[in-house]
Amino acid sequence: MRPTAVESCFEVACWFLDRAVDDGEYLQPQKLHRLMYLAQAYFGVLQGGAKLMPATFIASDDGPIEPTIFRAFARGRPAVDLKPVEETPRHILDSIWRQFGAHSTEHLNKLIKRHPPYADAYGAAPGTEIMFEGMVEFYGTQGLGRKPQAATVDAPAAGKVLRPKVMRNHSGKPVTAHRWTPKRAP
């Protein structure tokens, strides 16, 4: 089993909360859990099955929640020591925020409740753990045509969620940058 990209789920929760404040928004607790769920799933897809954070999501009546964050944030943001989020996880979190952060909590609830990882866990019994492997499998096959899904299931493909990194030149203007690879010798 590989190590997670961040040490705890508090780094991810606080990253989303801080990002919302930076954008002048209030992040509702339910929306925070949905964004964390999507971040865990898409990170797993984009990083070959690696986990973003050591978190367990359960299928509650309202949608997926992470019980540790649910209890710790019940009375507001807890005072915890956080480590900075490294570049790759931060880029994926930023992509999740840009893709899903503008949506309402209700929209995210309706969207995720139709997805098989949540629906299967909730169908087994409310409070059942949503399996990480199922999340990676479902979100990894979206947009690839590998696995036909019902027309009501509409999760964006991982390639559409991940935003390209913006590089800037010496004056701050955005530029297109390509990875340099040497030519092969004949």
C-alpha atoms as a PDB file:
ATOM      1  CA  MET A   1       0.000   0.000   0.000  1.00  0.00           C
ATOM      2  CA  ARG A   2       1.372   3.390  -1.028  1.00  0.00           C
ATOM      3  CA  PRO A   3       1.495   6.414   1.276  1.00  0.00           C
ATOM      4  CA  THR A   4      -1.162   9.078   0.844  1.00  0.00           C
ATOM      5  CA  ALA A   5      -0.329  12.400  -0.808  1.00  0.00           C
ATOM      6  CA  VAL A   6      -1.247  14.379   2.317  1.00  0.00           C
ATOM      7  CA  GLU A   7      -0.817  13.336   5.923  1.00  0.00           C
ATOM      8  CA  SER A   8      -4.431  13.821   7.046  1.00  0.00           C
ATOM      9  CA  CYS A   9      -7.835  14.737   5.713  1.00  0.00           C
ATOM     10  CA  PHE A  10      -7.594  18.008   7.668  1.00  0.00           C
ATOM     11  CA  GLU A  11      -5.110  19.376   5.096  1.00  0.00           C
ATOM     12  CA  VAL A  12      -7.641  18.814   2.309  1.00  0.00           C
ATOM     13  CA  ALA A  13     -10.625  20.152   4.276  1.00  0.00           C
ATOM     14  CA  CYS A  14      -8.757  23.273   5.313  1.00  0.00           C
ATOM     15  CA  TRP A  15      -7.387  23.754   1.779  1.00  0.00           C
ATOM     16  CA  PHE A  16     -10.968  23.837   0.422  1.00  0.00           C
ATOM     17  CA  LEU A  17     -12.131  26.137   3.229  1.00  0.00           C
ATOM     18  CA  ASP A  18      -9.233  28.533   2.624  1.00  0.00           C
ATOM     19  CA  ARG A  19      -9.823  28.462  -1.135  1.00  0.00           C
ATOM     20  CA  ALA A  20     -13.487  29.343  -0.613  1.00  0.00           C
ATOM     21  CA  VAL A  21     -12.521  32.269   1.625  1.00  0.00           C
ATOM     22  CA  ASP A  22     -10.004  33.446  -0.996  1.00  0.00           C
ATOM     23  CA  ASP A  23     -12.843  33.430  -3.548  1.00  0.00           C
ATOM     24  CA  GLY A  24     -15.158  35.290  -1.143  1.00  0.00           C
ATOM     25  CA  GLU A  25     -17.478  32.322  -0.594  1.00  0.00           C
ATOM     26  CA  TYR A  26     -18.851  30.432   2.361  1.00  0.00           C
ATOM     27  CA  LEU A  27     -18.299  26.691   2.019  1.00  0.00           C
ATOM     28  CA  GLN A  28     -21.189  24.715   3.491  1.00  0.00           C
ATOM     29  CA  PRO A  29     -20.205  21.575   5.423  1.00  0.00           C
ATOM     30  CA  GLN A  30     -22.084  19.235   3.061  1.00  0.00           C
ATOM     31  CA  LYS A  31     -20.417  20.796   0.042  1.00  0.00           C
ATOM     32  CA  LEU A  32     -17.028  20.400   1.731  1.00  0.00           C
ATOM     33  CA  HIS A  33     -17.651  16.652   2.091  1.00  0.00           C
ATOM     34  CA  ARG A  34     -18.748  16.306  -1.546  1.00  0.00           C
ATOM     35  CA  LEU A  35     -15.653  18.146  -2.771  1.00  0.00           C
ATOM     36  CA  MET A  36     -13.405  15.996  -0.589  1.00  0.00           C
ATOM     37  CA  TYR A  37     -15.119  12.857  -1.924  1.00  0.00           C
ATOM     38  CA  LEU A  38     -14.616  13.964  -5.536  1.00  0.00           C
ATOM     39  CA  ALA A  39     -11.016  14.970  -4.816  1.00  0.00           C
ATOM     40  CA  GLN A  40     -10.260  11.527  -3.364  1.00  0.00           C
ATOM     41  CA  ALA A  41     -11.864   9.799  -6.358  1.00  0.00           C
ATOM     42  CA  TYR A  42     -10.259  11.879  -9.103  1.00  0.00           C
ATOM     43  CA  PHE A  43      -6.871  11.890  -7.385  1.00  0.00           C
ATOM     44  CA  GLY A  44      -7.032   8.087  -7.337  1.00  0.00           C
ATOM     45  CA  VAL A  45      -7.821   8.032 -11.050  1.00  0.00           C
ATOM     46  CA  LEU A  46      -5.144  10.544 -12.021  1.00  0.00           C
ATOM     47  CA  GLN A  47      -2.443   9.034  -9.787  1.00  0.00           C
ATOM     48  CA  GLY A  48      -2.893   5.362 -10.669  1.00  0.00           C
ATOM     49  CA  GLY A  49      -4.890   4.285  -7.623  1.00  0.00           C
ATOM     50  CA  ALA A  50      -2.999   6.287  -4.996  1.00  0.00           C
ATOM     51  CA  LYS A  51      -5.021   7.916  -2.236  1.00  0.00           C
ATOM     52  CA  LEU A  52      -5.009  11.662  -1.740  1.00  0.00           C
ATOM     53  CA  MET A  53      -5.711  11.409   1.984  1.00  0.00           C
ATOM     54  CA  PRO A  54      -6.244   8.737   4.615  1.00  0.00           C
ATOM     55  CA  ALA A  55     -10.026   9.081   4.601  1.00  0.00           C
ATOM     56  CA  THR A  56     -13.038   6.804   4.679  1.00  0.00           C
ATOM     57  CA  PHE A  57     -16.260   8.014   3.107  1.00  0.00           C
ATOM     58  CA  ILE A  58     -19.613   6.628   4.174  1.00  0.00           C
ATOM     59  CA  ALA A  59     -22.943   6.822   2.380  1.00  0.00           C
ATOM     60  CA  SER A  60     -25.206   8.988   4.535  1.00  0.00           C
ATOM     61  CA  ASP A  61     -28.773  10.022   3.692  1.00  0.00           C
ATOM     62  CA  ASP A  62     -27.569  13.346   2.275  1.00  0.00           C
ATOM     63  CA  GLY A  63     -24.528  12.038   0.388  1.00  0.00           C
ATOM     64  CA  PRO A  64     -20.974  10.883   1.108  1.00  0.00           C
ATOM     65  CA  ILE A  65     -19.356  12.165   4.287  1.00  0.00           C
ATOM     66  CA  GLU A  66     -15.992  11.688   5.926  1.00  0.00           C
ATOM     67  CA  PRO A  67     -16.890  10.909   9.585  1.00  0.00           C
ATOM     68  CA  THR A  68     -13.675  12.263  11.125  1.00  0.00           C
ATOM     69  CA  ILE A  69     -14.103  15.635   9.443  1.00  0.00           C
ATOM     70  CA  PHE A  70     -17.831  15.590  10.223  1.00  0.00           C
ATOM     71  CA  ARG A  71     -17.205  15.238  13.957  1.00  0.00           C
ATOM     72  CA  ALA A  72     -14.117  17.461  14.144  1.00  0.00           C
ATOM     73  CA  PHE A  73     -15.820  20.354  12.325  1.00  0.00           C
ATOM     74  CA  ALA A  74     -19.174  20.003  14.147  1.00  0.00           C
ATOM     75  CA  ARG A  75     -18.491  23.142  16.198  1.00  0.00           C
ATOM     76  CA  GLY A  76     -16.477  25.047  13.627  1.00  0.00           C
ATOM     77  CA  ARG A  77     -12.973  24.800  12.246  1.00  0.00           C
ATOM     78  CA  PRO A  78     -10.754  22.981  14.739  1.00  0.00           C
ATOM     79  CA  ALA A  79      -7.327  24.255  15.715  1.00  0.00           C
ATOM     80  CA  VAL A  80      -5.013  21.702  14.105  1.00  0.00           C
ATOM     81  CA  ASP A  81      -1.452  21.929  12.874  1.00  0.00           C
ATOM     82  CA  LEU A  82      -1.387  21.576   9.104  1.00  0.00           C
ATOM     83  CA  LYS A  83       1.381  20.726   6.705  1.00  0.00           C
ATOM     84  CA  PRO A  84       1.480  22.470   3.337  1.00  0.00           C
ATOM     85  CA  VAL A  85      -0.071  20.583   0.435  1.00  0.00           C
ATOM     86  CA  GLU A  86       2.527  19.686  -2.196  1.00  0.00           C
ATOM     87  CA  GLU A  87       2.299  20.752  -5.828  1.00  0.00           C
ATOM     88  CA  THR A  88       0.630  17.707  -7.453  1.00  0.00           C
ATOM     89  CA  PRO A  89      -2.160  17.287  -4.882  1.00  0.00           C
ATOM     90  CA  ARG A  90      -2.633  21.076  -4.796  1.00  0.00           C
ATOM     91  CA  HIS A  91      -3.017  21.164  -8.583  1.00  0.00           C
ATOM     92  CA  ILE A  92      -5.651  18.409  -8.458  1.00  0.00           C
ATOM     93  CA  LEU A  93      -7.493  20.115  -5.570  1.00  0.00           C
ATOM     94  CA  ASP A  94      -7.475  23.347  -7.561  1.00  0.00           C
ATOM     95  CA  SER A  95      -8.908  21.485 -10.562  1.00  0.00           C
ATOM     96  CA  ILE A  96     -11.665  19.964  -8.413  1.00  0.00           C
ATOM     97  CA  TRP A  97     -12.498  23.406  -7.010  1.00  0.00           C
ATOM     98  CA  ARG A  98     -12.653  24.951 -10.481  1.00  0.00           C
ATOM     99  CA  GLN A  99     -14.805  22.119 -11.862  1.00  0.00           C
ATOM    100  CA  PHE A 100     -17.222  21.615  -8.971  1.00  0.00           C
ATOM    101  CA  GLY A 101     -16.822  24.560  -6.562  1.00  0.00           C
ATOM    102  CA  ALA A 102     -19.301  26.802  -8.354  1.00  0.00           C
ATOM    103  CA  HIS A 103     -22.083  24.206  -8.098  1.00  0.00           C
ATOM    104  CA  SER A 104     -24.577  24.337  -5.269  1.00  0.00           C
ATOM    105  CA  THR A 105     -24.601  21.764  -2.508  1.00  0.00           C
ATOM    106  CA  GLU A 106     -27.929  20.444  -3.792  1.00  0.00           C
ATOM    107  CA  HIS A 107     -26.533  19.979  -7.296  1.00  0.00           C
ATOM    108  CA  LEU A 108     -23.512  18.065  -5.997  1.00  0.00           C
ATOM    109  CA  ASN A 109     -25.763  15.918  -3.788  1.00  0.00           C
ATOM    110  CA  LYS A 110     -28.021  15.003  -6.725  1.00  0.00           C
ATOM    111  CA  LEU A 111     -25.035  14.339  -8.972  1.00  0.00           C
ATOM    112  CA  ILE A 112     -23.106  12.100  -6.597  1.00  0.00           C
ATOM    113  CA  LYS A 113     -26.163  10.185  -5.377  1.00  0.00           C
ATOM    114  CA  ARG A 114     -26.635   8.901  -8.940  1.00  0.00           C
ATOM    115  CA  HIS A 115     -23.069   7.595  -9.162  1.00  0.00           C
ATOM    116  CA  PRO A 116     -22.681   3.844  -8.574  1.00  0.00           C
ATOM    117  CA  PRO A 117     -20.037   3.977  -5.796  1.00  0.00           C
ATOM    118  CA  TYR A 118     -22.383   5.974  -3.563  1.00  0.00           C
ATOM    119  CA  ALA A 119     -25.609   4.349  -4.782  1.00  0.00           C
ATOM    120  CA  ASP A 120     -24.269   0.814  -4.230  1.00  0.00           C
ATOM    121  CA  ALA A 121     -23.024   1.600  -0.714  1.00  0.00           C
ATOM    122  CA  TYR A 122     -26.241   3.372   0.257  1.00  0.00           C
ATOM    123  CA  GLY A 123     -28.285   0.559  -1.286  1.00  0.00           C
ATOM    124  CA  ALA A 124     -26.505  -1.936   0.968  1.00  0.00           C
ATOM    125  CA  ALA A 125     -27.393   0.160   4.044  1.00  0.00           C
ATOM    126  CA  PRO A 126     -27.113   3.819   5.033  1.00  0.00           C
ATOM    127  CA  GLY A 127     -23.781   4.373   6.750  1.00  0.00           C
ATOM    128  CA  THR A 128     -21.944   1.808   4.623  1.00  0.00           C
ATOM    129  CA  GLU A 129     -18.395   2.605   3.581  1.00  0.00           C
ATOM    130  CA  ILE A 130     -17.950   3.718  -0.030  1.00  0.00           C
ATOM    131  CA  MET A 131     -15.107   1.615  -1.366  1.00  0.00           C
ATOM    132  CA  PHE A 132     -12.156   3.587  -2.725  1.00  0.00           C
ATOM    133  CA  GLU A 133     -11.519   1.006  -5.458  1.00  0.00           C
ATOM    134  CA  GLY A 134     -15.095   1.452  -6.701  1.00  0.00           C
ATOM    135  CA  MET A 135     -14.647   5.220  -6.763  1.00  0.00           C
ATOM    136  CA  VAL A 136     -11.465   4.962  -8.834  1.00  0.00           C
ATOM    137  CA  GLU A 137     -13.019   2.430 -11.190  1.00  0.00           C
ATOM    138  CA  PHE A 138     -16.178   4.474 -11.802  1.00  0.00           C
ATOM    139  CA  TYR A 139     -14.578   7.907 -12.181  1.00  0.00           C
ATOM    140  CA  GLY A 140     -11.743   6.407 -14.223  1.00  0.00           C
ATOM    141  CA  THR A 141     -14.079   4.938 -16.826  1.00  0.00           C
ATOM    142  CA  GLN A 142     -16.149   8.078 -17.371  1.00  0.00           C
ATOM    143  CA  GLY A 143     -15.763   9.501 -20.848  1.00  0.00           C
ATOM    144  CA  LEU A 144     -13.736   6.518 -22.069  1.00  0.00           C
ATOM    145  CA  GLY A 145     -16.569   4.437 -23.498  1.00  0.00           C
ATOM    146  CA  ARG A 146     -15.278   1.345 -21.663  1.00  0.00           C
ATOM    147  CA  LYS A 147     -18.278   0.827 -19.481  1.00  0.00           C
ATOM    148  CA  PRO A 148     -21.695   1.977 -20.637  1.00  0.00           C
ATOM    149  CA  GLN A 149     -23.484   3.868 -17.877  1.00  0.00           C
ATOM    150  CA  ALA A 150     -27.087   4.903 -17.593  1.00  0.00           C
ATOM    151  CA  ALA A 151     -27.940   8.220 -19.207  1.00  0.00           C
ATOM    152  CA  THR A 152     -28.570   9.747 -15.767  1.00  0.00           C
ATOM    153  CA  VAL A 153     -24.963   9.212 -14.661  1.00  0.00           C
ATOM    154  CA  ASP A 154     -22.942  12.228 -15.710  1.00  0.00           C
ATOM    155  CA  ALA A 155     -19.519  12.455 -14.138  1.00  0.00           C
ATOM    156  CA  PRO A 156     -16.906  14.351 -16.133  1.00  0.00           C
ATOM    157  CA  ALA A 157     -13.905  12.409 -17.353  1.00  0.00           C
ATOM    158  CA  ALA A 158     -10.740  12.833 -15.292  1.00  0.00           C
ATOM    159  CA  GLY A 159      -8.998  14.482 -18.237  1.00  0.00           C
ATOM    160  CA  LYS A 160     -11.684  17.174 -18.316  1.00  0.00           C
ATOM    161  CA  VAL A 161     -11.462  17.781 -14.572  1.00  0.00           C
ATOM    162  CA  LEU A 162      -7.683  18.218 -14.465  1.00  0.00           C
ATOM    163  CA  ARG A 163      -6.780  21.719 -15.584  1.00  0.00           C
ATOM    164  CA  PRO A 164      -3.560  22.310 -17.498  1.00  0.00           C
ATOM    165  CA  LYS A 165      -0.882  24.086 -15.529  1.00  0.00           C
ATOM    166  CA  VAL A 166      -0.494  27.691 -16.537  1.00  0.00           C
ATOM    167  CA  MET A 167       3.080  28.759 -17.091  1.00  0.00           C
ATOM    168  CA  ARG A 168       4.000  32.434 -17.220  1.00  0.00           C
ATOM    169  CA  ASN A 169       6.844  34.244 -18.944  1.00  0.00           C
ATOM    170  CA  HIS A 170       9.101  36.848 -17.322  1.00  0.00           C
ATOM    171  CA  SER A 171       6.424  39.568 -17.646  1.00  0.00           C
ATOM    172  CA  GLY A 172       3.627  37.449 -16.179  1.00  0.00           C
ATOM    173  CA  LYS A 173       1.794  36.643 -19.405  1.00  0.00           C
ATOM    174  CA  PRO A 174       0.454  33.075 -19.757  1.00  0.00           C
ATOM    175  CA  VAL A 175       2.391  30.929 -22.232  1.00  0.00           C
ATOM    176  CA  THR A 176       2.175  27.441 -23.640  1.00  0.00           C
ATOM    177  CA  ALA A 177       5.010  25.253 -22.459  1.00  0.00           C
ATOM    178  CA  HIS A 178       5.921  21.840 -23.767  1.00  0.00           C
ATOM    179  CA  ARG A 179       8.129  19.320 -22.054  1.00  0.00           C
ATOM    180  CA  TRP A 180      11.458  19.171 -23.810  1.00  0.00           C
ATOM    181  CA  THR A 181      12.732  15.784 -24.871  1.00  0.00           C
ATOM    182  CA  PRO A 182      15.956  15.291 -26.773  1.00  0.00           C
ATOM    183  CA  LYS A 183      15.825  13.936 -30.287  1.00  0.00           C
ATOM    184  CA  ARG A 184      16.822  10.346 -30.796  1.00  0.00           C
ATOM    185  CA  ALA A 185      20.106   9.700 -32.464  1.00  0.00           C
ATOM    186  CA  PRO A 186      19.760   7.891 -35.819  1.00  0.00           C
END
